Amino acid sequence: MRGNKSKHTKPELLLRKALWASGLRGYRLHFKKLAGSPDIVFSTKKIAIFVNGCFWHRCPKCNLNLPKTNTEFWKDKFDANIKRDQNNYVKLIRSNWTVLTIWECDIKKNLKEQVLKIESLIKDVNAYSITTNEPLQLAAEDLLTYGYNI
């Protein structure tokens, strides 16, 4: 497991290059002051983006099998990963951050769609902040979609 990177993974790099090419700039990487150190952070918009690998974070769309050896260890490890992710999302949402999770499989299927999703989210936050002082909480819907309890 030591060889598995947590930063600058291939899906993350693909997304960052696509964001840069589309003109989206002004984001921070792996912002340690936020819960979970989100991979991409638009701090002025209060948007935190996690680029999650399907295997390690147990993508609900992929339905991946557990490894055949040492199954109990892996089940516990994956459950702990999921719980940690949920806790980080809840902390961010309660701190008035908008949280977006982009899965590795979504990047592989349609990278451009993921970039458009981020662009749309930034525009929604801009439009929403003009009309109200309350934070935009799109993340709560996203969490419920993937079976997270907040």
N, C-alpha and C. Protein backbone atom coordinates (compact mmCIF):
# COMPACT_ATOMS: atom_id res chain seq x y z
N MET A 1 0.83 -1.20 0.00
CA MET A 1 0.00 0.00 0.00
C MET A 1 0.86 1.25 0.00
N ARG A 2 2.09 1.10 0.36
CA ARG A 2 2.98 2.24 0.44
C ARG A 2 3.15 2.92 -0.93
N GLY A 3 3.07 2.12 -1.98
CA GLY A 3 3.25 2.66 -3.33
C GLY A 3 2.02 3.37 -3.86
N ASN A 4 0.90 3.31 -3.15
CA ASN A 4 -0.32 3.97 -3.61
C ASN A 4 -0.30 5.42 -3.15
N LYS A 5 -0.34 6.31 -4.13
CA LYS A 5 -0.25 7.73 -3.82
C LYS A 5 -1.59 8.29 -3.36
N SER A 6 -1.52 9.28 -2.50
CA SER A 6 -2.75 9.98 -2.09
C SER A 6 -2.87 11.33 -2.78
N LYS A 7 -1.77 11.83 -3.30
CA LYS A 7 -1.76 13.12 -4.00
C LYS A 7 -1.24 12.93 -5.41
N HIS A 8 -1.71 13.80 -6.28
CA HIS A 8 -1.26 13.83 -7.67
C HIS A 8 -1.46 12.49 -8.37
N THR A 9 -2.61 11.88 -8.15
CA THR A 9 -2.93 10.62 -8.80
C THR A 9 -3.29 10.89 -10.26
N LYS A 10 -3.32 9.85 -11.06
CA LYS A 10 -3.61 10.02 -12.48
C LYS A 10 -4.98 10.67 -12.72
N PRO A 11 -6.06 10.20 -12.06
CA PRO A 11 -7.35 10.88 -12.28
C PRO A 11 -7.32 12.35 -11.86
N GLU A 12 -6.64 12.64 -10.76
CA GLU A 12 -6.54 14.02 -10.29
C GLU A 12 -5.78 14.89 -11.30
N LEU A 13 -4.68 14.38 -11.81
CA LEU A 13 -3.90 15.14 -12.79
C LEU A 13 -4.69 15.37 -14.07
N LEU A 14 -5.43 14.36 -14.53
CA LEU A 14 -6.26 14.52 -15.73
C LEU A 14 -7.29 15.63 -15.51
N LEU A 15 -7.94 15.62 -14.35
CA LEU A 15 -8.94 16.64 -14.06
C LEU A 15 -8.32 18.02 -13.97
N ARG A 16 -7.19 18.12 -13.28
CA ARG A 16 -6.54 19.43 -13.14
C ARG A 16 -6.10 19.99 -14.50
N LYS A 17 -5.56 19.13 -15.35
CA LYS A 17 -5.16 19.59 -16.69
C LYS A 17 -6.37 20.07 -17.49
N ALA A 18 -7.48 19.35 -17.36
CA ALA A 18 -8.70 19.75 -18.06
C ALA A 18 -9.26 21.06 -17.50
N LEU A 19 -9.19 21.24 -16.18
CA LEU A 19 -9.64 22.50 -15.58
C LEU A 19 -8.79 23.66 -16.09
N TRP A 20 -7.50 23.44 -16.13
CA TRP A 20 -6.57 24.48 -16.60
C TRP A 20 -6.85 24.82 -18.06
N ALA A 21 -7.05 23.80 -18.87
CA ALA A 21 -7.30 24.01 -20.30
C ALA A 21 -8.62 24.75 -20.54
N SER A 22 -9.60 24.55 -19.64
CA SER A 22 -10.88 25.22 -19.80
C SER A 22 -10.87 26.64 -19.23
N GLY A 23 -9.74 27.04 -18.65
CA GLY A 23 -9.62 28.39 -18.13
C GLY A 23 -9.97 28.54 -16.65
N LEU A 24 -10.26 27.43 -15.99
CA LEU A 24 -10.55 27.50 -14.55
C LEU A 24 -9.25 27.50 -13.78
N ARG A 25 -8.98 28.59 -13.14
CA ARG A 25 -7.75 28.73 -12.37
C ARG A 25 -8.10 29.30 -11.00
N GLY A 26 -7.11 29.48 -10.18
CA GLY A 26 -7.35 30.07 -8.86
C GLY A 26 -7.73 29.06 -7.80
N TYR A 27 -7.37 27.82 -8.02
CA TYR A 27 -7.66 26.80 -7.02
C TYR A 27 -6.39 26.41 -6.29
N ARG A 28 -6.58 25.86 -5.10
CA ARG A 28 -5.46 25.35 -4.30
C ARG A 28 -5.51 23.84 -4.32
N LEU A 29 -4.36 23.24 -4.08
CA LEU A 29 -4.26 21.78 -4.07
C LEU A 29 -4.03 21.28 -2.66
N HIS A 30 -4.77 20.25 -2.28
CA HIS A 30 -4.56 19.53 -1.02
C HIS A 30 -4.48 20.50 0.17
N PHE A 31 -5.51 21.30 0.31
CA PHE A 31 -5.55 22.36 1.32
C PHE A 31 -5.67 21.74 2.71
N LYS A 32 -4.58 21.73 3.46
CA LYS A 32 -4.50 21.01 4.73
C LYS A 32 -5.32 21.65 5.85
N LYS A 33 -5.74 22.90 5.67
CA LYS A 33 -6.53 23.55 6.71
C LYS A 33 -7.98 23.08 6.72
N LEU A 34 -8.38 22.33 5.69
CA LEU A 34 -9.75 21.82 5.62
C LEU A 34 -9.79 20.33 5.94
N ALA A 35 -10.90 19.90 6.48
CA ALA A 35 -11.08 18.48 6.81
C ALA A 35 -10.89 17.62 5.57
N GLY A 36 -10.05 16.61 5.69
CA GLY A 36 -9.83 15.68 4.59
C GLY A 36 -8.86 16.17 3.53
N SER A 37 -8.31 17.36 3.66
CA SER A 37 -7.41 17.95 2.66
C SER A 37 -7.93 17.72 1.24
N PRO A 38 -9.01 18.40 0.86
CA PRO A 38 -9.58 18.18 -0.47
C PRO A 38 -8.53 18.34 -1.57
N ASP A 39 -8.70 17.58 -2.66
CA ASP A 39 -7.72 17.59 -3.74
C ASP A 39 -7.67 18.94 -4.45
N ILE A 40 -8.82 19.54 -4.67
CA ILE A 40 -8.91 20.84 -5.35
C ILE A 40 -9.84 21.73 -4.53
N VAL A 41 -9.39 22.94 -4.24
CA VAL A 41 -10.18 23.85 -3.41
C VAL A 41 -10.24 25.23 -4.08
N PHE A 42 -11.45 25.70 -4.29
CA PHE A 42 -11.67 27.09 -4.71
C PHE A 42 -12.05 27.83 -3.43
N SER A 43 -11.05 28.36 -2.74
CA SER A 43 -11.27 28.90 -1.40
C SER A 43 -12.17 30.13 -1.39
N THR A 44 -12.08 30.98 -2.40
CA THR A 44 -12.94 32.17 -2.40
C THR A 44 -14.40 31.82 -2.63
N LYS A 45 -14.65 30.69 -3.27
CA LYS A 45 -16.03 30.23 -3.52
C LYS A 45 -16.49 29.23 -2.46
N LYS A 46 -15.56 28.79 -1.60
CA LYS A 46 -15.84 27.78 -0.58
C LYS A 46 -16.34 26.48 -1.22
N ILE A 47 -15.58 26.03 -2.23
CA ILE A 47 -15.88 24.78 -2.91
C ILE A 47 -14.70 23.83 -2.70
N ALA A 48 -15.00 22.65 -2.16
CA ALA A 48 -13.99 21.61 -1.94
C ALA A 48 -14.31 20.43 -2.86
N ILE A 49 -13.31 19.98 -3.62
CA ILE A 49 -13.50 18.88 -4.56
C ILE A 49 -12.58 17.74 -4.19
N PHE A 50 -13.18 16.57 -4.02
CA PHE A 50 -12.42 15.36 -3.76
C PHE A 50 -12.43 14.52 -5.03
N VAL A 51 -11.25 14.07 -5.46
CA VAL A 51 -11.14 13.15 -6.59
C VAL A 51 -10.85 11.78 -5.98
N ASN A 52 -11.87 10.94 -5.94
CA ASN A 52 -11.77 9.66 -5.24
C ASN A 52 -11.55 8.51 -6.21
N GLY A 53 -10.62 7.66 -5.84
CA GLY A 53 -10.39 6.43 -6.58
C GLY A 53 -11.50 5.43 -6.25
N CYS A 54 -11.97 4.73 -7.26
CA CYS A 54 -13.10 3.82 -7.07
C CYS A 54 -12.76 2.66 -6.13
N PHE A 55 -11.55 2.15 -6.19
CA PHE A 55 -11.19 0.99 -5.37
C PHE A 55 -11.07 1.38 -3.90
N TRP A 56 -10.28 2.40 -3.59
CA TRP A 56 -9.99 2.74 -2.20
C TRP A 56 -11.16 3.37 -1.48
N HIS A 57 -11.99 4.11 -2.21
CA HIS A 57 -13.10 4.81 -1.57
C HIS A 57 -14.44 4.12 -1.84
N ARG A 58 -14.40 2.98 -2.51
CA ARG A 58 -15.57 2.12 -2.74
C ARG A 58 -16.69 2.87 -3.45
N CYS A 59 -16.43 3.19 -4.69
CA CYS A 59 -17.41 3.89 -5.53
C CYS A 59 -18.73 3.12 -5.56
N PRO A 60 -19.84 3.80 -5.25
CA PRO A 60 -21.14 3.11 -5.25
C PRO A 60 -21.60 2.70 -6.65
N LYS A 61 -21.03 3.31 -7.68
CA LYS A 61 -21.44 2.98 -9.05
C LYS A 61 -20.71 1.75 -9.58
N CYS A 62 -19.49 1.52 -9.12
CA CYS A 62 -18.66 0.44 -9.68
C CYS A 62 -18.93 -0.92 -9.06
N ASN A 63 -19.36 -0.95 -7.80
CA ASN A 63 -19.66 -2.20 -7.13
C ASN A 63 -18.50 -3.20 -7.23
N LEU A 64 -17.32 -2.78 -6.82
CA LEU A 64 -16.12 -3.60 -6.90
C LEU A 64 -16.12 -4.69 -5.84
N ASN A 65 -15.52 -5.83 -6.17
CA ASN A 65 -15.41 -6.94 -5.23
C ASN A 65 -14.28 -6.68 -4.24
N LEU A 66 -14.41 -7.29 -3.07
CA LEU A 66 -13.33 -7.26 -2.09
C LEU A 66 -12.20 -8.17 -2.56
N PRO A 67 -10.96 -7.87 -2.18
CA PRO A 67 -9.87 -8.81 -2.48
C PRO A 67 -10.18 -10.17 -1.87
N LYS A 68 -9.73 -11.22 -2.53
CA LYS A 68 -10.05 -12.60 -2.11
C LYS A 68 -9.27 -13.04 -0.88
N THR A 69 -8.09 -12.50 -0.67
CA THR A 69 -7.30 -12.88 0.50
C THR A 69 -7.42 -11.80 1.57
N ASN A 70 -7.41 -12.24 2.82
CA ASN A 70 -7.48 -11.34 3.97
C ASN A 70 -8.72 -10.43 3.88
N THR A 71 -9.82 -11.01 3.55
CA THR A 71 -11.06 -10.27 3.27
C THR A 71 -11.50 -9.40 4.44
N GLU A 72 -11.40 -9.93 5.65
CA GLU A 72 -11.86 -9.17 6.82
C GLU A 72 -11.05 -7.89 7.00
N PHE A 73 -9.74 -7.98 6.80
CA PHE A 73 -8.88 -6.79 6.89
C PHE A 73 -9.33 -5.74 5.88
N TRP A 74 -9.53 -6.16 4.62
CA TRP A 74 -9.89 -5.22 3.57
C TRP A 74 -11.27 -4.61 3.82
N LYS A 75 -12.20 -5.42 4.28
CA LYS A 75 -13.53 -4.90 4.57
C LYS A 75 -13.45 -3.81 5.64
N ASP A 76 -12.71 -4.09 6.71
CA ASP A 76 -12.54 -3.10 7.78
C ASP A 76 -11.86 -1.83 7.26
N LYS A 77 -10.84 -2.02 6.43
CA LYS A 77 -10.10 -0.88 5.89
C LYS A 77 -11.01 -0.01 5.02
N PHE A 78 -11.75 -0.64 4.13
CA PHE A 78 -12.64 0.12 3.24
C PHE A 78 -13.76 0.80 4.03
N ASP A 79 -14.30 0.12 5.01
CA ASP A 79 -15.34 0.72 5.86
C ASP A 79 -14.79 1.96 6.59
N ALA A 80 -13.55 1.85 7.08
CA ALA A 80 -12.93 3.00 7.76
C ALA A 80 -12.71 4.15 6.78
N ASN A 81 -12.31 3.84 5.55
CA ASN A 81 -12.13 4.89 4.53
C ASN A 81 -13.45 5.61 4.26
N ILE A 82 -14.51 4.84 4.09
CA ILE A 82 -15.82 5.42 3.81
C ILE A 82 -16.29 6.29 4.98
N LYS A 83 -16.12 5.79 6.18
CA LYS A 83 -16.53 6.55 7.37
C LYS A 83 -15.74 7.85 7.49
N ARG A 84 -14.43 7.78 7.25
CA ARG A 84 -13.60 8.98 7.31
C ARG A 84 -14.05 9.99 6.25
N ASP A 85 -14.33 9.52 5.04
CA ASP A 85 -14.83 10.42 3.99
C ASP A 85 -16.13 11.09 4.42
N GLN A 86 -17.05 10.31 4.95
CA GLN A 86 -18.33 10.87 5.40
C GLN A 86 -18.13 11.94 6.47
N ASN A 87 -17.27 11.65 7.43
CA ASN A 87 -17.01 12.62 8.50
C ASN A 87 -16.40 13.90 7.96
N ASN A 88 -15.48 13.78 7.01
CA ASN A 88 -14.87 14.96 6.41
C ASN A 88 -15.90 15.79 5.64
N TYR A 89 -16.79 15.12 4.90
CA TYR A 89 -17.82 15.84 4.15
C TYR A 89 -18.74 16.60 5.10
N VAL A 90 -19.15 15.94 6.16
CA VAL A 90 -20.05 16.57 7.12
C VAL A 90 -19.38 17.78 7.77
N LYS A 91 -18.11 17.65 8.15
CA LYS A 91 -17.39 18.79 8.76
C LYS A 91 -17.35 19.97 7.80
N LEU A 92 -17.08 19.70 6.53
CA LEU A 92 -17.01 20.78 5.54
C LEU A 92 -18.38 21.43 5.32
N ILE A 93 -19.40 20.60 5.19
CA ILE A 93 -20.75 21.14 4.98
C ILE A 93 -21.19 21.99 6.16
N ARG A 94 -20.89 21.53 7.35
CA ARG A 94 -21.25 22.31 8.55
C ARG A 94 -20.46 23.60 8.66
N SER A 95 -19.33 23.67 7.97
CA SER A 95 -18.52 24.89 7.93
C SER A 95 -18.88 25.75 6.72
N ASN A 96 -20.03 25.45 6.13
CA ASN A 96 -20.56 26.21 4.99
C ASN A 96 -19.73 26.08 3.71
N TRP A 97 -19.15 24.91 3.51
CA TRP A 97 -18.44 24.62 2.26
C TRP A 97 -19.34 23.77 1.37
N THR A 98 -19.20 23.96 0.09
CA THR A 98 -19.86 23.11 -0.88
C THR A 98 -18.87 22.01 -1.25
N VAL A 99 -19.30 20.77 -1.16
CA VAL A 99 -18.42 19.62 -1.37
C VAL A 99 -18.86 18.88 -2.62
N LEU A 100 -17.90 18.56 -3.46
CA LEU A 100 -18.16 17.78 -4.66
C LEU A 100 -17.19 16.62 -4.70
N THR A 101 -17.73 15.42 -4.92
CA THR A 101 -16.91 14.23 -5.07
C THR A 101 -16.94 13.81 -6.52
N ILE A 102 -15.76 13.69 -7.11
CA ILE A 102 -15.67 13.21 -8.49
C ILE A 102 -14.95 11.87 -8.45
N TRP A 103 -15.60 10.87 -8.99
CA TRP A 103 -15.08 9.50 -8.96
C TRP A 103 -14.17 9.24 -10.15
N GLU A 104 -13.19 8.39 -9.94
CA GLU A 104 -12.25 7.99 -10.98
C GLU A 104 -12.98 7.49 -12.22
N CYS A 105 -14.02 6.69 -12.05
CA CYS A 105 -14.75 6.13 -13.19
C CYS A 105 -15.45 7.23 -14.00
N ASP A 106 -15.91 8.29 -13.33
CA ASP A 106 -16.55 9.40 -14.03
C ASP A 106 -15.55 10.16 -14.88
N ILE A 107 -14.33 10.30 -14.38
CA ILE A 107 -13.28 10.96 -15.14
C ILE A 107 -12.92 10.14 -16.37
N LYS A 108 -12.85 8.82 -16.20
CA LYS A 108 -12.53 7.94 -17.33
C LYS A 108 -13.64 7.95 -18.38
N LYS A 109 -14.89 7.98 -17.94
CA LYS A 109 -16.03 7.94 -18.86
C LYS A 109 -16.19 9.24 -19.63
N ASN A 110 -16.14 10.36 -18.91
CA ASN A 110 -16.40 11.64 -19.57
C ASN A 110 -15.77 12.78 -18.77
N LEU A 111 -14.52 13.05 -19.05
CA LEU A 111 -13.78 14.09 -18.36
C LEU A 111 -14.41 15.46 -18.58
N LYS A 112 -14.83 15.72 -19.81
CA LYS A 112 -15.40 17.03 -20.13
C LYS A 112 -16.66 17.30 -19.30
N GLU A 113 -17.46 16.27 -19.08
CA GLU A 113 -18.67 16.43 -18.27
C GLU A 113 -18.32 16.82 -16.83
N GLN A 114 -17.24 16.28 -16.30
CA GLN A 114 -16.83 16.61 -14.94
C GLN A 114 -16.37 18.07 -14.85
N VAL A 115 -15.66 18.53 -15.88
CA VAL A 115 -15.23 19.93 -15.92
C VAL A 115 -16.44 20.85 -16.00
N LEU A 116 -17.41 20.48 -16.83
CA LEU A 116 -18.64 21.28 -16.93
C LEU A 116 -19.40 21.31 -15.61
N LYS A 117 -19.38 20.19 -14.89
CA LYS A 117 -20.03 20.13 -13.58
C LYS A 117 -19.38 21.13 -12.62
N ILE A 118 -18.06 21.20 -12.64
CA ILE A 118 -17.35 22.12 -11.76
C ILE A 118 -17.61 23.57 -12.18
N GLU A 119 -17.56 23.83 -13.49
CA GLU A 119 -17.85 25.19 -13.98
C GLU A 119 -19.25 25.62 -13.57
N SER A 120 -20.21 24.71 -13.72
CA SER A 120 -21.59 25.00 -13.35
C SER A 120 -21.71 25.28 -11.85
N LEU A 121 -21.02 24.50 -11.06
CA LEU A 121 -21.05 24.68 -9.61
C LEU A 121 -20.49 26.05 -9.23
N ILE A 122 -19.40 26.46 -9.86
CA ILE A 122 -18.81 27.76 -9.57
C ILE A 122 -19.78 28.88 -9.97
N LYS A 123 -20.43 28.74 -11.11
CA LYS A 123 -21.41 29.75 -11.54
C LYS A 123 -22.60 29.78 -10.59
N ASP A 124 -23.06 28.58 -10.15
CA ASP A 124 -24.18 28.53 -9.20
C ASP A 124 -23.83 29.21 -7.89
N VAL A 125 -22.63 28.98 -7.41
CA VAL A 125 -22.19 29.61 -6.16
C VAL A 125 -22.14 31.12 -6.35
N ASN A 126 -21.63 31.58 -7.49
CA ASN A 126 -21.59 33.02 -7.77
C ASN A 126 -22.99 33.60 -7.79
N ALA A 127 -23.91 32.97 -8.51
CA ALA A 127 -25.28 33.47 -8.62
C ALA A 127 -25.98 33.43 -7.27
N TYR A 128 -25.76 32.37 -6.53
CA TYR A 128 -26.41 32.20 -5.23
C TYR A 128 -25.90 33.22 -4.23
N SER A 129 -24.61 33.50 -4.23
CA SER A 129 -24.05 34.42 -3.25
C SER A 129 -24.47 35.87 -3.52
N ILE A 130 -24.88 36.16 -4.75
CA ILE A 130 -25.37 37.51 -5.07
C ILE A 130 -26.73 37.74 -4.44
N THR A 131 -27.57 36.69 -4.40
CA THR A 131 -28.94 36.86 -3.93
C THR A 131 -29.13 36.61 -2.45
N THR A 132 -28.20 35.94 -1.80
CA THR A 132 -28.37 35.60 -0.39
C THR A 132 -27.01 35.47 0.30
N ASN A 133 -27.02 35.55 1.59
CA ASN A 133 -25.78 35.37 2.34
C ASN A 133 -25.59 33.93 2.81
N GLU A 134 -26.58 33.07 2.56
CA GLU A 134 -26.48 31.68 2.99
C GLU A 134 -25.61 30.88 2.02
N PRO A 135 -24.90 29.88 2.54
CA PRO A 135 -24.06 29.06 1.66
C PRO A 135 -24.90 28.13 0.80
N LEU A 136 -24.40 27.82 -0.36
CA LEU A 136 -25.05 26.88 -1.25
C LEU A 136 -24.69 25.46 -0.81
N GLN A 137 -25.68 24.66 -0.52
CA GLN A 137 -25.43 23.31 0.00
C GLN A 137 -25.85 22.24 -1.00
N LEU A 138 -25.19 22.19 -2.13
CA LEU A 138 -25.44 21.14 -3.10
C LEU A 138 -24.88 19.81 -2.62
N ALA A 139 -23.90 19.87 -1.76
CA ALA A 139 -23.20 18.65 -1.34
C ALA A 139 -24.10 17.71 -0.56
N ALA A 140 -25.05 18.22 0.19
CA ALA A 140 -25.91 17.35 0.99
C ALA A 140 -26.69 16.40 0.08
N GLU A 141 -27.20 16.90 -1.04
CA GLU A 141 -27.89 16.04 -2.01
C GLU A 141 -26.95 14.98 -2.55
N ASP A 142 -25.73 15.39 -2.88
CA ASP A 142 -24.74 14.48 -3.42
C ASP A 142 -24.43 13.37 -2.43
N LEU A 143 -24.31 13.72 -1.15
CA LEU A 143 -24.03 12.71 -0.12
C LEU A 143 -25.18 11.72 0.01
N LEU A 144 -26.39 12.23 0.00
CA LEU A 144 -27.54 11.34 0.13
C LEU A 144 -27.67 10.42 -1.07
N THR A 145 -27.29 10.91 -2.25
CA THR A 145 -27.33 10.11 -3.47
C THR A 145 -26.45 8.87 -3.33
N TYR A 146 -25.30 9.03 -2.68
CA TYR A 146 -24.36 7.93 -2.54
C TYR A 146 -24.55 7.16 -1.24
N GLY A 147 -25.65 7.39 -0.56
CA GLY A 147 -25.96 6.59 0.61
C GLY A 147 -25.31 7.07 1.90
N TYR A 148 -24.76 8.28 1.91
CA TYR A 148 -24.16 8.79 3.13
C TYR A 148 -25.25 9.38 4.02
N ASN A 149 -25.13 9.18 5.30
CA ASN A 149 -26.06 9.77 6.25
C ASN A 149 -25.42 10.99 6.88
N ILE A 150 -26.09 12.13 6.73
CA ILE A 150 -25.55 13.37 7.31
C ILE A 150 -26.48 13.87 8.39
